[in-house]
Protein backbone atom coordinates (compact mmCIF):
# COMPACT_ATOMS: atom_id res chain seq x y z
CA UNK A 1 16.55 -23.30 13.41
CA UNK A 2 14.81 -26.42 12.05
CA UNK A 3 15.71 -28.11 8.79
CA UNK A 4 12.33 -27.16 7.28
CA UNK A 5 12.99 -23.48 7.96
CA UNK A 6 16.45 -23.76 6.41
CA UNK A 7 14.95 -25.37 3.31
CA UNK A 8 12.24 -22.70 3.06
CA UNK A 9 14.81 -19.91 3.32
CA UNK A 10 16.89 -21.50 0.55
CA UNK A 11 13.77 -21.82 -1.62
CA UNK A 12 12.79 -18.18 -0.96
CA UNK A 13 16.27 -16.95 -1.87
CA UNK A 14 16.15 -18.99 -5.11
CA UNK A 15 12.69 -17.60 -6.00
CA UNK A 16 13.81 -14.02 -5.39
CA UNK A 17 16.73 -14.52 -7.75
CA UNK A 18 14.38 -16.02 -10.37
CA UNK A 19 11.96 -13.08 -10.00
CA UNK A 20 14.81 -10.62 -10.53
CA UNK A 21 15.89 -12.46 -13.68
CA UNK A 22 12.32 -12.56 -15.02
CA UNK A 23 11.76 -8.84 -14.35
CA UNK A 24 15.03 -7.91 -16.06
CA UNK A 25 14.12 -10.10 -19.03
CA UNK A 26 10.64 -8.48 -19.12
CA UNK A 27 9.01 -11.91 -18.89
CA UNK A 28 5.95 -10.52 -17.10
CA UNK A 29 3.86 -13.71 -17.01
CA UNK A 30 6.75 -15.71 -15.58
CA UNK A 31 7.50 -12.94 -13.05
CA UNK A 32 3.86 -12.96 -11.84
CA UNK A 33 3.90 -16.73 -11.50
CA UNK A 34 7.18 -16.66 -9.60
CA UNK A 35 5.90 -13.92 -7.28
CA UNK A 36 2.94 -16.18 -6.45
CA UNK A 37 5.31 -19.04 -5.62
CA UNK A 38 7.40 -16.59 -3.56
CA UNK A 39 4.40 -15.37 -1.56
CA UNK A 40 3.37 -18.94 -0.78
CA UNK A 41 6.89 -19.84 0.34
CA UNK A 42 7.04 -16.72 2.53
CA UNK A 43 3.66 -17.56 4.07
CA UNK A 44 4.93 -21.06 4.84
CA UNK A 45 8.04 -19.52 6.44
CA UNK A 46 5.87 -17.17 8.52
CA UNK A 47 3.75 -20.10 9.72
CA UNK A 48 6.83 -22.17 10.58
CA UNK A 49 8.63 -19.39 12.45
CA UNK A 50 5.46 -18.44 14.34
CA UNK A 51 5.21 -22.02 15.60
CA UNK A 52 8.69 -21.65 17.15
CA UNK A 53 8.11 -18.22 18.72
CA UNK A 54 7.43 -17.88 22.46
CA UNK A 55 3.97 -16.59 23.39
CA UNK A 56 3.67 -12.79 23.27
CA UNK A 57 3.60 -10.76 26.48
CA UNK A 58 0.25 -9.52 27.79
CA UNK A 59 -1.03 -6.56 25.76
CA UNK A 60 -0.46 -3.06 27.12
CA UNK A 61 -3.09 -0.39 27.23
CA UNK A 62 -3.23 1.30 23.81
CA UNK A 63 -1.85 4.79 23.57
CA UNK A 64 -4.39 7.53 23.13
CA UNK A 65 -4.22 10.27 20.52
CA UNK A 66 -5.47 13.83 20.63
CA UNK A 67 -6.18 13.73 16.88
CA UNK A 68 -9.58 12.69 15.48
CA UNK A 69 -9.68 9.40 13.57
CA UNK A 70 -9.86 11.10 10.14
CA UNK A 71 -6.80 13.21 10.92
CA UNK A 72 -4.83 10.17 12.09
CA UNK A 73 -5.72 8.41 8.82
CA UNK A 74 -4.83 11.55 6.83
CA UNK A 75 -1.47 11.74 8.59
CA UNK A 76 -0.62 8.18 7.50
CA UNK A 77 -1.84 8.82 3.93
CA UNK A 78 0.32 11.95 3.71
CA UNK A 79 3.38 9.85 4.56
CA UNK A 80 2.51 7.12 2.02
CA UNK A 81 1.37 9.36 -0.83
CA UNK A 82 -0.73 6.72 -2.63
CA UNK A 83 -4.20 5.13 -2.27
CA UNK A 84 -3.90 2.76 0.68
CA UNK A 85 -5.85 0.00 2.39
CA UNK A 86 -6.98 0.41 5.99
CA UNK A 87 -4.61 -2.31 7.20
CA UNK A 88 -1.52 -0.42 6.03
CA UNK A 89 -2.88 2.93 7.27
CA UNK A 90 -3.22 1.38 10.73
CA UNK A 91 0.26 -0.19 10.50
CA UNK A 92 1.86 3.15 9.56
CA UNK A 93 -0.01 4.94 12.32
CA UNK A 94 1.16 2.33 14.82
CA UNK A 95 4.75 2.49 13.56
CA UNK A 96 5.26 6.24 13.27
CA UNK A 97 2.53 8.04 15.18
CA UNK A 98 0.14 7.43 18.08
CA UNK A 99 -0.64 3.75 17.62
CA UNK A 100 -4.22 4.49 18.65
CA UNK A 101 -5.92 3.77 15.32
CA UNK A 102 -7.87 0.55 14.63
CA UNK A 103 -9.08 -0.87 11.35
CA UNK A 104 -12.68 -1.01 12.57
CA UNK A 105 -12.61 2.77 13.03
CA UNK A 106 -11.90 3.25 9.31
CA UNK A 107 -14.71 1.00 8.07
CA UNK A 108 -17.35 3.71 7.73
CA UNK A 109 -15.00 6.68 7.39
CA UNK A 110 -15.19 7.00 3.59
CA UNK A 111 -19.01 6.88 3.67
CA UNK A 112 -19.05 9.59 6.34
CA UNK A 113 -16.72 11.71 4.22
CA UNK A 114 -18.98 11.31 1.17
CA UNK A 115 -22.06 12.31 3.16
CA UNK A 116 -20.21 15.37 4.44
CA UNK A 117 -19.14 16.39 0.93
CA UNK A 118 -22.64 15.93 -0.50
CA UNK A 119 -24.22 18.02 2.25
CA UNK A 120 -21.62 20.84 2.09
CA UNK A 121 -19.14 20.48 -0.81
CA UNK A 122 -15.58 21.68 -0.22
CA UNK A 123 -16.33 22.87 3.32
CA UNK A 124 -13.27 20.96 4.55
CA UNK A 125 -9.67 21.46 3.43
CA UNK A 126 -9.48 17.78 2.44
CA UNK A 127 -11.66 14.67 2.26
CA UNK A 128 -10.67 11.03 2.65
CA UNK A 129 -12.10 9.78 -0.61
CA UNK A 130 -12.05 6.68 -2.77
CA UNK A 131 -9.50 5.54 -5.29
CA UNK A 132 -11.24 5.02 -8.64
CA UNK A 133 -10.88 1.92 -10.79
CA UNK A 134 -10.66 2.04 -14.58
CA UNK A 135 -14.48 1.66 -14.55
CA UNK A 136 -14.66 4.85 -12.45
CA UNK A 137 -16.14 2.93 -9.54
CA UNK A 138 -14.64 3.12 -6.03
CA UNK A 139 -11.80 0.66 -5.45
CA UNK A 140 -12.78 -1.59 -2.58
CA UNK A 141 -11.06 -0.76 0.70
CA UNK A 142 -8.68 1.93 -0.59
CA UNK A 143 -8.57 5.46 0.83
CA UNK A 144 -7.08 8.47 -0.94
CA UNK A 145 -6.66 12.19 -0.27
CA UNK A 146 -8.97 14.54 -2.20
CA UNK A 147 -6.17 17.10 -2.58
CA UNK A 148 -3.98 14.72 -4.61
CA UNK A 149 -3.79 15.12 -8.37
CA UNK A 150 -6.50 13.08 -10.16
CA UNK A 151 -3.85 10.78 -11.68
CA UNK A 152 -2.84 9.71 -8.14
CA UNK A 153 -6.41 8.90 -7.13
CA UNK A 154 -7.18 6.50 -9.99
CA UNK A 155 -5.92 2.99 -10.69
CA UNK A 156 -4.74 1.12 -13.76
CA UNK A 157 -3.78 -2.55 -14.04
CA UNK A 158 -0.23 -1.91 -12.78
CA UNK A 159 -1.17 0.56 -10.05
CA UNK A 160 -1.41 -1.86 -7.08
CA UNK A 161 2.22 -2.92 -7.60
CA UNK A 162 3.39 0.62 -8.35
CA UNK A 163 1.65 1.94 -5.24
CA UNK A 164 3.14 -0.82 -3.09
CA UNK A 165 6.63 0.06 -4.34
CA UNK A 166 5.95 3.77 -3.85
CA UNK A 167 4.66 3.35 -0.30
CA UNK A 168 7.66 1.17 0.59
CA UNK A 169 9.95 3.87 -0.79
CA UNK A 170 8.16 6.60 1.17
CA UNK A 171 8.40 4.61 4.42
CA UNK A 172 12.11 3.94 3.83
CA UNK A 173 12.77 7.60 3.00
CA UNK A 174 11.00 8.70 6.17
CA UNK A 175 13.04 6.24 8.24
CA UNK A 176 16.27 7.42 6.65
CA UNK A 177 15.56 10.96 7.88
CA UNK A 178 15.10 9.90 11.51
CA UNK A 179 18.03 9.91 13.92
CA UNK A 180 16.44 7.10 15.95
CA UNK A 181 14.00 5.14 13.75
CA UNK A 182 11.19 3.44 15.72
CA UNK A 183 11.65 -0.32 15.99
CA UNK A 184 8.08 -0.91 14.83
CA UNK A 185 8.66 1.16 11.71
CA UNK A 186 11.81 -0.81 10.87
CA UNK A 187 9.85 -4.05 11.27
CA UNK A 188 7.14 -2.71 8.96
CA UNK A 189 9.72 -1.80 6.31
CA UNK A 190 11.35 -5.22 6.64
CA UNK A 191 8.02 -7.00 6.06
CA UNK A 192 7.30 -4.91 2.98
CA UNK A 193 10.85 -5.25 1.63
CA UNK A 194 10.52 -9.05 1.66
CA UNK A 195 8.20 -8.65 -1.35
CA UNK A 196 10.66 -6.61 -3.44
CA UNK A 197 13.53 -8.39 -5.21
CA UNK A 198 16.88 -7.17 -3.91
CA UNK A 199 15.41 -5.02 -1.13
CA UNK A 200 16.61 -7.24 1.70
CA UNK A 201 18.88 -10.25 1.92
CA UNK A 202 17.48 -13.13 3.95
CA UNK A 203 15.26 -12.59 6.95
CA UNK A 204 17.09 -9.67 8.49
CA UNK A 205 16.13 -6.09 9.23
CA UNK A 206 15.86 -4.09 6.03
CA UNK A 207 18.26 -1.23 5.38
CA UNK A 208 16.26 1.83 4.22
CA UNK A 209 18.80 2.82 1.55
CA UNK A 210 18.85 -0.70 0.07
CA UNK A 211 15.05 -0.88 0.09
CA UNK A 212 14.82 2.48 -1.68
CA UNK A 213 17.23 1.40 -4.44
CA UNK A 214 15.44 -1.90 -5.03
CA UNK A 215 11.96 -0.36 -5.05
CA UNK A 216 13.03 2.42 -7.43
CA UNK A 217 14.67 -0.10 -9.76
CA UNK A 218 11.42 -2.04 -10.14
CA UNK A 219 9.38 1.16 -10.35
CA UNK A 220 11.36 2.10 -13.45
CA UNK A 221 10.06 -1.07 -15.11
CA UNK A 222 6.40 -0.16 -14.54
CA UNK A 223 6.29 3.63 -14.19
CA UNK A 224 5.77 4.75 -17.80
CA UNK A 225 2.96 2.29 -18.56
CA UNK A 226 1.23 2.95 -15.23
CA UNK A 227 1.45 6.73 -15.69
CA UNK A 228 -0.15 6.48 -19.14
CA UNK A 229 -2.92 4.17 -17.90
CA UNK A 230 -3.73 6.43 -14.94
CA UNK A 231 -3.74 9.55 -17.11
CA UNK A 232 -6.33 7.94 -19.41
CA UNK A 233 -8.59 6.98 -16.47
CA UNK A 234 -8.22 10.44 -14.90
CA UNK A 235 -9.10 12.12 -18.20
CA UNK A 236 -12.28 10.04 -18.51
CA UNK A 237 -13.25 10.82 -14.94
CA UNK A 238 -12.74 14.55 -15.59
CA UNK A 239 -14.91 14.44 -18.72
CA UNK A 240 -17.70 12.19 -17.46
CA UNK A 241 -18.15 12.73 -13.73
CA UNK A 242 -19.44 15.52 -11.51
CA UNK A 243 -17.31 16.61 -8.56
CA UNK A 244 -18.71 14.22 -5.97
CA UNK A 245 -18.24 11.18 -8.20
CA UNK A 246 -14.69 12.22 -9.13
CA UNK A 247 -13.90 11.83 -5.43
CA UNK A 248 -16.11 8.93 -4.42
CA UNK A 249 -16.82 7.03 -7.64
CA UNK A 250 -19.98 5.79 -9.28
CA UNK A 251 -21.99 2.62 -8.83
CA UNK A 252 -21.26 -0.21 -11.28
CA UNK A 253 -24.60 0.08 -13.10
CA UNK A 254 -24.19 3.86 -13.51
CA UNK A 255 -20.78 3.29 -15.01
CA UNK A 256 -22.18 0.77 -17.46
CA UNK A 257 -25.00 3.10 -18.54
CA UNK A 258 -22.54 5.96 -19.03
CA UNK A 259 -20.36 3.80 -21.27
CA UNK A 260 -23.20 2.95 -23.64
């Protein structure tokens, strides 16, 4: 391993320790700043290690799935339990299920689901809907499950971090239940654990139990405030929006007019 990689790994370890100290001290601004430095150091490490990797083998033919695209996405969302971006839905599908899902297939899925609901409301047992921002507009790129409680389908300021920690915990819990965890799923957990202080030491494969403890420890810091923020957004959505907009959100201008 080159000297630059050694130096980057030392810097990353130092930043993780500093993030842990800042979180424990409830110095939120400092913790955010340190996490930014940590992400940049990790990106530099990724770039450096990629330069040293041998070229990948030729791609194999993708595995096919008997499930429709929406059911594959729903399967991944059920495992994660929180509003999720297409990239992570695809990664979870690849790691645990068929591996046949592609991000491009999810691009128009939410719009198709909304059209279906508008034409025949509640005809399906579930819809892949939008997560709603605190302005009650659809959060860009995030899919949710219509059967989840309203508080799970809305977002407050802390929700992206809380949902990341929750999805990491759910992946680790699922892995811990498997007698022979898939290698791809372990790699996915390891990548996610790199962004949680104390979840993994160095650049090694993450241990599910360690990742769960670390993610839950940070969740305890944010959970109460996030729960209160989401409850307030969900209550507004319940009061102000008809059924279709509770699932798929409202346009920005409609939200502004409703607030006046």
